[in-house]
Amino acid sequence: MSRRHLPTLTAMQCFEASARHLSFTRAAAELSLTQSAVSKQVAQLESILEHPLFRRVRKRLQVTPEGSLYLTEVRKILAQVEMSTRYMQSYGGQSEVLNITTLPTFGARWLIPRLNGFRFRHPNVYLNISNRVEPFDLEEARVDVAFFFGHGAWPKAECIKLLDEATVPVCAPTVVPEGGIEDPLALTELVLLQSTTRPEAWHDWFAAQGVYTAHSYHGPRFDTFSMSLRAARAGCGVALVPRFLAEEELEAGQLIVPWTFSLASRDAYYLAYPEHKGEVGKVKGFIEWILEHLEAPTKGRGDRRHADA
């Protein structure tokens, strides 16, 4: 189909509003058009699609099965257009949106505490933070900065190493036998909580100590470290997690390390950004802030002190 024969956004808006109100008159009032203009736009859309979108039943509109199917797609298109337009309206203006993605638990435990005060140094930059676990294209997703765990490589991106990782087993104090844990294999009696994103974690941890167990892959499986930590606190078993993500519970005594062996990972946590955005003000400012705040935030430090940083 030639692009000249594609439906216009106006036609899609008229169809969507008419389907929502089941009335050309109400749709026209919402869109500040005449009733005949809305009806004509919908008729043109039906002509292009070669399918009826509405039935007229007792002077009321009824969406046809074809219309219902098309309505779902039209709403996606209109939502995408609106989102893209708002994105461009914010780009380069006095107020800018910085799109950030992060791993769920890393974002909640490590990143967010380090954002305190950023707004005072960069009052015109608004952070839009979302979780992503699966690989994606930075440009297609319109992401300015991504935090990830891996080898430090991302297509068409610059990567900055932030911190290494070492995993330790953690569990609630109440699940440990009175005499303590005498060897790593004893942990299998506490139930090994598994990680969906790291299915080899327990196997590698035992192997690094020269130990083998058929139970390495057995146990409840969780999508995020946050869920694993919560399950461990609830006494569901023992979780194998990066120690820095469990510091809050360890300091509070809600979790303990029943066997002190720590396995250093070959991978690390990185910050990535598109190659061509390195000199974009909002991206550059955010990266500088993160690098200045790699160390754990000082407890009790207020926003205003960050503002003077």
Protein backbone atom coordinates (compact mmCIF):
# COMPACT_ATOMS: atom_id res chain seq x y z
CA MET A 1 0.00 0.00 0.00
CA SER A 2 1.33 3.43 -0.93
CA ARG A 3 1.84 5.80 1.98
CA ARG A 4 -0.41 8.25 0.19
CA HIS A 5 -3.26 5.85 0.83
CA LEU A 6 -2.58 5.26 4.52
CA PRO A 7 -5.17 6.61 6.96
CA THR A 8 -4.50 9.94 8.62
CA LEU A 9 -4.10 10.47 12.36
CA THR A 10 -7.23 12.61 12.24
CA ALA A 11 -9.20 9.68 10.85
CA MET A 12 -7.82 7.41 13.58
CA GLN A 13 -8.68 9.96 16.27
CA CYS A 14 -12.21 10.27 14.93
CA PHE A 15 -12.63 6.50 14.87
CA GLU A 16 -11.20 6.02 18.38
CA ALA A 17 -13.37 8.78 19.90
CA SER A 18 -16.49 7.50 18.10
CA ALA A 19 -15.84 3.95 19.32
CA ARG A 20 -15.32 5.17 22.86
CA HIS A 21 -18.50 7.26 22.92
CA LEU A 22 -20.47 5.12 20.44
CA SER A 23 -21.57 8.43 19.01
CA PHE A 24 -20.32 10.65 16.18
CA THR A 25 -21.90 13.65 17.89
CA ARG A 26 -20.05 13.17 21.17
CA ALA A 27 -16.81 12.39 19.34
CA ALA A 28 -17.20 15.60 17.35
CA ALA A 29 -17.71 17.63 20.53
CA GLU A 30 -14.55 16.12 22.06
CA LEU A 31 -12.45 16.78 18.94
CA SER A 32 -13.93 20.23 18.22
CA LEU A 33 -15.19 19.07 14.82
CA THR A 34 -18.60 18.88 13.24
CA GLN A 35 -20.60 15.65 13.36
CA SER A 36 -20.48 15.38 9.58
CA ALA A 37 -16.68 15.81 9.56
CA VAL A 38 -16.23 12.95 12.03
CA SER A 39 -18.63 10.74 10.09
CA LYS A 40 -16.78 11.51 6.84
CA GLN A 41 -13.38 10.67 8.38
CA VAL A 42 -14.67 7.31 9.63
CA ALA A 43 -16.22 6.56 6.23
CA GLN A 44 -12.89 7.30 4.52
CA LEU A 45 -11.17 4.98 7.00
CA GLU A 46 -13.66 2.21 6.23
CA SER A 47 -13.04 2.72 2.51
CA ILE A 48 -9.27 2.36 2.96
CA LEU A 49 -9.60 -0.72 5.17
CA GLU A 50 -12.37 -2.22 3.04
CA HIS A 51 -14.14 -3.30 6.23
CA PRO A 52 -17.05 -1.75 8.14
CA LEU A 53 -16.02 -0.37 11.52
CA PHE A 54 -19.49 0.40 12.85
CA ARG A 55 -23.02 -0.85 12.55
CA ARG A 56 -25.93 1.54 13.01
CA VAL A 57 -28.39 -0.15 15.38
CA ARG A 58 -31.51 1.83 16.42
CA LYS A 59 -29.77 5.15 15.71
CA ARG A 60 -26.78 4.09 17.84
CA LEU A 61 -23.31 2.99 16.84
CA GLN A 62 -22.07 -0.50 17.47
CA VAL A 63 -18.43 -1.48 16.82
CA THR A 64 -18.08 -4.40 14.42
CA PRO A 65 -15.70 -7.32 15.14
CA GLU A 66 -13.34 -5.86 12.52
CA GLY A 67 -13.66 -2.47 14.15
CA SER A 68 -12.88 -3.89 17.58
CA LEU A 69 -9.73 -5.53 16.24
CA TYR A 70 -8.61 -2.33 14.51
CA LEU A 71 -9.44 -0.23 17.57
CA THR A 72 -6.82 -2.08 19.61
CA GLU A 73 -4.14 -1.24 17.04
CA VAL A 74 -5.28 2.37 16.64
CA ARG A 75 -5.04 2.98 20.39
CA LYS A 76 -1.47 1.65 20.39
CA ILE A 77 -0.57 3.96 17.50
CA LEU A 78 -2.13 7.04 19.11
CA ALA A 79 -0.45 6.27 22.44
CA GLN A 80 2.93 5.92 20.72
CA VAL A 81 2.45 9.19 18.83
CA GLU A 82 1.53 10.99 22.05
CA MET A 83 4.52 9.53 23.91
CA SER A 84 6.93 10.41 21.08
CA THR A 85 5.56 13.94 20.87
CA ARG A 86 5.92 14.54 24.59
CA TYR A 87 9.45 13.15 24.44
CA MET A 88 10.44 15.61 21.71
CA GLN A 89 8.69 18.49 23.49
CA SER A 90 10.92 17.86 26.50
CA TYR A 91 14.11 17.36 24.46
CA GLY A 92 16.52 20.26 24.57
CA GLY A 93 14.11 22.58 26.34
CA GLN A 94 14.34 24.12 29.76
CA SER A 95 13.05 20.85 31.23
CA GLU A 96 14.51 17.59 29.94
CA VAL A 97 13.62 13.98 30.62
CA LEU A 98 16.47 11.54 31.22
CA ASN A 99 15.38 7.99 30.45
CA ILE A 100 17.17 5.45 32.64
CA THR A 101 16.87 1.67 32.85
CA THR A 102 18.20 -0.51 35.62
CA LEU A 103 18.07 -4.01 37.02
CA PRO A 104 15.20 -4.17 39.55
CA THR A 105 17.01 -4.90 42.82
CA PHE A 106 20.14 -2.96 41.83
CA GLY A 107 17.97 0.04 41.09
CA ALA A 108 16.08 -0.13 44.36
CA ARG A 109 19.04 -0.95 46.62
CA TRP A 110 22.02 0.78 45.00
CA LEU A 111 20.87 3.41 42.51
CA ILE A 112 17.95 5.15 44.20
CA PRO A 113 19.82 6.01 47.45
CA ARG A 114 22.45 7.75 45.29
CA LEU A 115 19.93 9.98 43.54
CA ASN A 116 19.22 12.01 46.66
CA GLY A 117 20.22 15.59 45.87
CA PHE A 118 20.58 15.21 42.11
CA ARG A 119 17.53 17.43 41.58
CA PHE A 120 19.26 20.39 43.27
CA ARG A 121 22.26 20.30 40.97
CA HIS A 122 20.13 19.63 37.88
CA PRO A 123 16.69 21.13 38.61
CA ASN A 124 15.61 21.01 34.95
CA VAL A 125 16.34 17.31 34.45
CA TYR A 126 13.52 14.89 35.23
CA LEU A 127 14.49 11.26 35.76
CA ASN A 128 12.33 8.57 34.15
CA ILE A 129 13.50 5.25 35.62
CA SER A 130 12.29 1.81 34.57
CA ASN A 131 13.34 -1.79 35.15
CA ARG A 132 14.68 -3.97 32.35
CA VAL A 133 16.20 -7.42 32.62
CA GLU A 134 16.24 -8.68 29.04
CA PRO A 135 18.72 -7.27 26.45
CA PHE A 136 17.45 -4.38 24.32
CA ASP A 137 18.62 -1.72 21.86
CA LEU A 138 19.39 1.61 23.54
CA GLU A 139 18.42 3.65 20.49
CA GLU A 140 15.19 1.84 19.71
CA ALA A 141 14.12 2.06 23.36
CA ARG A 142 15.20 5.74 23.54
CA VAL A 143 17.22 5.04 26.68
CA ASP A 144 19.83 7.61 27.71
CA VAL A 145 21.53 5.62 30.47
CA ALA A 146 21.36 1.92 31.32
CA PHE A 147 22.71 0.07 34.36
CA PHE A 148 23.52 -3.57 33.69
CA PHE A 149 25.47 -6.60 34.92
CA GLY A 150 27.83 -8.30 32.50
CA HIS A 151 31.18 -8.21 30.70
CA GLY A 152 31.14 -4.46 30.07
CA ALA A 153 30.16 -4.48 26.40
CA TRP A 154 27.01 -3.04 24.80
CA PRO A 155 26.47 -2.49 21.05
CA LYS A 156 26.96 1.13 19.96
CA ALA A 157 27.44 2.24 23.57
CA GLU A 158 30.13 3.44 25.93
CA CYS A 159 30.36 1.46 29.19
CA ILE A 160 31.73 2.53 32.56
CA LYS A 161 32.49 -0.01 35.26
CA LEU A 162 30.86 0.82 38.60
CA LEU A 163 31.51 -2.07 40.99
CA ASP A 164 32.44 -5.72 41.27
CA GLU A 165 30.26 -8.38 42.81
CA ALA A 166 30.70 -11.20 45.31
CA THR A 167 27.83 -13.51 46.21
CA VAL A 168 27.15 -14.97 49.66
CA PRO A 169 24.42 -17.20 51.08
CA VAL A 170 21.95 -15.44 53.38
CA CYS A 171 19.06 -16.72 55.45
CA ALA A 172 16.93 -15.87 58.47
CA PRO A 173 18.70 -16.57 61.80
CA THR A 174 15.82 -18.82 62.86
CA VAL A 175 16.39 -21.42 60.14
CA VAL A 176 19.99 -22.19 61.09
CA PRO A 177 20.43 -25.27 63.31
CA GLU A 178 21.47 -24.58 66.90
CA GLY A 179 24.96 -25.95 66.30
CA GLY A 180 25.44 -23.80 63.18
CA ILE A 181 26.49 -24.87 59.70
CA GLU A 182 29.49 -27.20 59.69
CA ASP A 183 30.00 -27.44 55.92
CA PRO A 184 28.47 -25.90 52.77
CA LEU A 185 26.49 -29.05 51.93
CA ALA A 186 24.45 -28.52 55.10
CA LEU A 187 22.82 -25.56 53.34
CA THR A 188 20.91 -27.94 51.07
CA GLU A 189 18.86 -28.95 54.11
CA LEU A 190 17.62 -25.34 54.43
CA VAL A 191 16.19 -25.20 50.85
CA LEU A 192 18.21 -23.41 48.17
CA LEU A 193 16.35 -20.41 46.79
CA GLN A 194 17.06 -20.17 43.06
CA SER A 195 17.51 -17.17 40.76
CA THR A 196 15.75 -17.23 37.38
CA THR A 197 18.38 -14.98 35.79
CA ARG A 198 21.30 -16.96 37.25
CA PRO A 199 20.36 -20.63 37.16
CA GLU A 200 24.01 -21.76 37.59
CA ALA A 201 24.63 -19.63 40.70
CA TRP A 202 24.45 -22.34 43.37
CA HIS A 203 26.29 -24.87 41.21
CA ASP A 204 29.17 -22.41 40.68
CA TRP A 205 29.26 -21.46 44.36
CA PHE A 206 29.56 -25.09 45.50
CA ALA A 207 32.04 -25.95 42.70
CA ALA A 208 34.35 -23.09 43.72
CA GLN A 209 34.72 -24.88 47.07
CA GLY A 210 35.34 -28.26 45.45
CA VAL A 211 31.88 -29.49 46.47
CA TYR A 212 29.21 -31.16 44.36
CA THR A 213 25.56 -31.66 45.20
CA ALA A 214 22.63 -32.89 43.17
CA HIS A 215 20.52 -30.20 44.88
CA SER A 216 22.26 -27.21 43.21
CA TYR A 217 19.30 -26.60 40.91
CA HIS A 218 16.52 -27.62 43.29
CA GLY A 219 14.34 -25.10 45.08
CA PRO A 220 11.84 -22.27 44.55
CA ARG A 221 12.82 -19.92 41.72
CA PHE A 222 12.53 -16.12 41.83
CA ASP A 223 12.78 -13.44 39.14
CA THR A 224 14.60 -10.84 41.22
CA PHE A 225 17.05 -10.67 44.10
CA SER A 226 14.46 -8.60 45.99
CA MET A 227 12.08 -11.54 45.95
CA SER A 228 14.84 -13.94 46.97
CA LEU A 229 15.81 -11.71 49.88
CA ARG A 230 12.19 -11.41 50.99
CA ALA A 231 11.79 -15.19 50.82
CA ALA A 232 14.96 -15.66 52.85
CA ARG A 233 13.72 -13.21 55.49
CA ALA A 234 10.46 -15.15 55.68
CA GLY A 235 12.39 -18.33 56.47
CA CYS A 236 11.69 -20.02 53.11
CA GLY A 237 15.32 -21.04 52.68
CA VAL A 238 18.77 -19.69 51.92
CA ALA A 239 19.37 -17.23 49.05
CA LEU A 240 22.61 -16.70 47.15
CA VAL A 241 22.85 -12.97 46.47
CA PRO A 242 25.39 -10.18 45.89
CA ARG A 243 26.41 -9.14 49.38
CA PHE A 244 26.01 -5.40 48.75
CA LEU A 245 22.32 -5.94 47.92
CA ALA A 246 21.71 -7.62 51.28
CA GLU A 247 23.59 -5.16 53.52
CA GLU A 248 20.39 -3.56 54.82
CA GLU A 249 19.02 -6.86 56.17
CA LEU A 250 22.43 -8.04 57.39
CA GLU A 251 22.99 -4.86 59.39
CA ALA A 252 19.49 -5.10 60.87
CA GLY A 253 20.01 -8.73 61.87
CA GLN A 254 17.10 -9.87 59.71
CA LEU A 255 19.48 -12.04 57.70
CA ILE A 256 22.78 -13.72 58.47
CA VAL A 257 25.53 -15.34 56.40
CA PRO A 258 25.46 -18.99 57.54
CA TRP A 259 28.61 -19.99 55.63
CA THR A 260 31.15 -17.25 54.99
CA PHE A 261 32.54 -18.33 51.61
CA SER A 262 32.15 -15.49 49.12
CA LEU A 263 32.34 -16.11 45.37
CA ALA A 264 33.72 -13.22 43.32
CA SER A 265 31.98 -12.88 39.96
CA ARG A 266 33.78 -12.61 36.63
CA ASP A 267 31.20 -9.98 35.63
CA ALA A 268 30.51 -6.57 37.15
CA TYR A 269 27.96 -3.76 37.21
CA TYR A 270 28.26 -1.13 34.50
CA LEU A 271 26.69 2.09 33.32
CA ALA A 272 26.10 2.33 29.55
CA TYR A 273 25.05 5.22 27.34
CA PRO A 274 24.73 5.66 23.54
CA GLU A 275 28.04 6.67 21.95
CA HIS A 276 26.65 9.89 20.46
CA LYS A 277 25.11 11.09 23.74
CA GLY A 278 28.32 11.41 25.75
CA GLU A 279 28.33 15.20 25.40
CA VAL A 280 24.59 15.72 25.85
CA GLY A 281 24.24 17.87 28.96
CA LYS A 282 21.68 15.82 30.86
CA VAL A 283 23.56 12.56 30.20
CA LYS A 284 26.95 13.99 31.04
CA GLY A 285 25.64 15.58 34.24
CA PHE A 286 24.04 12.33 35.41
CA ILE A 287 27.15 10.26 34.73
CA GLU A 288 29.30 12.74 36.64
CA TRP A 289 26.87 12.56 39.56
CA ILE A 290 26.93 8.75 39.68
CA LEU A 291 30.73 8.61 39.54
CA GLU A 292 30.94 11.11 42.40
CA HIS A 293 28.54 8.98 44.47
CA LEU A 294 29.89 5.48 43.94
CA GLU A 295 30.47 5.09 47.65
CA ALA A 296 27.49 4.32 49.87
CA PRO A 297 25.56 7.48 50.82
CA THR A 298 26.25 8.77 54.32
CA LYS A 299 23.32 7.99 56.61
CA GLY A 300 21.40 11.03 57.71
CA ARG A 301 22.84 13.26 55.02
CA GLY A 302 20.14 15.65 53.83
CA ASP A 303 19.23 16.90 50.38
CA ARG A 304 20.53 20.36 51.05
CA ARG A 305 24.05 19.08 51.74
CA HIS A 306 23.95 17.20 48.46
CA ALA A 307 22.91 20.45 46.81
CA ASP A 308 26.21 22.01 47.87
CA ALA A 309 28.23 19.08 46.50
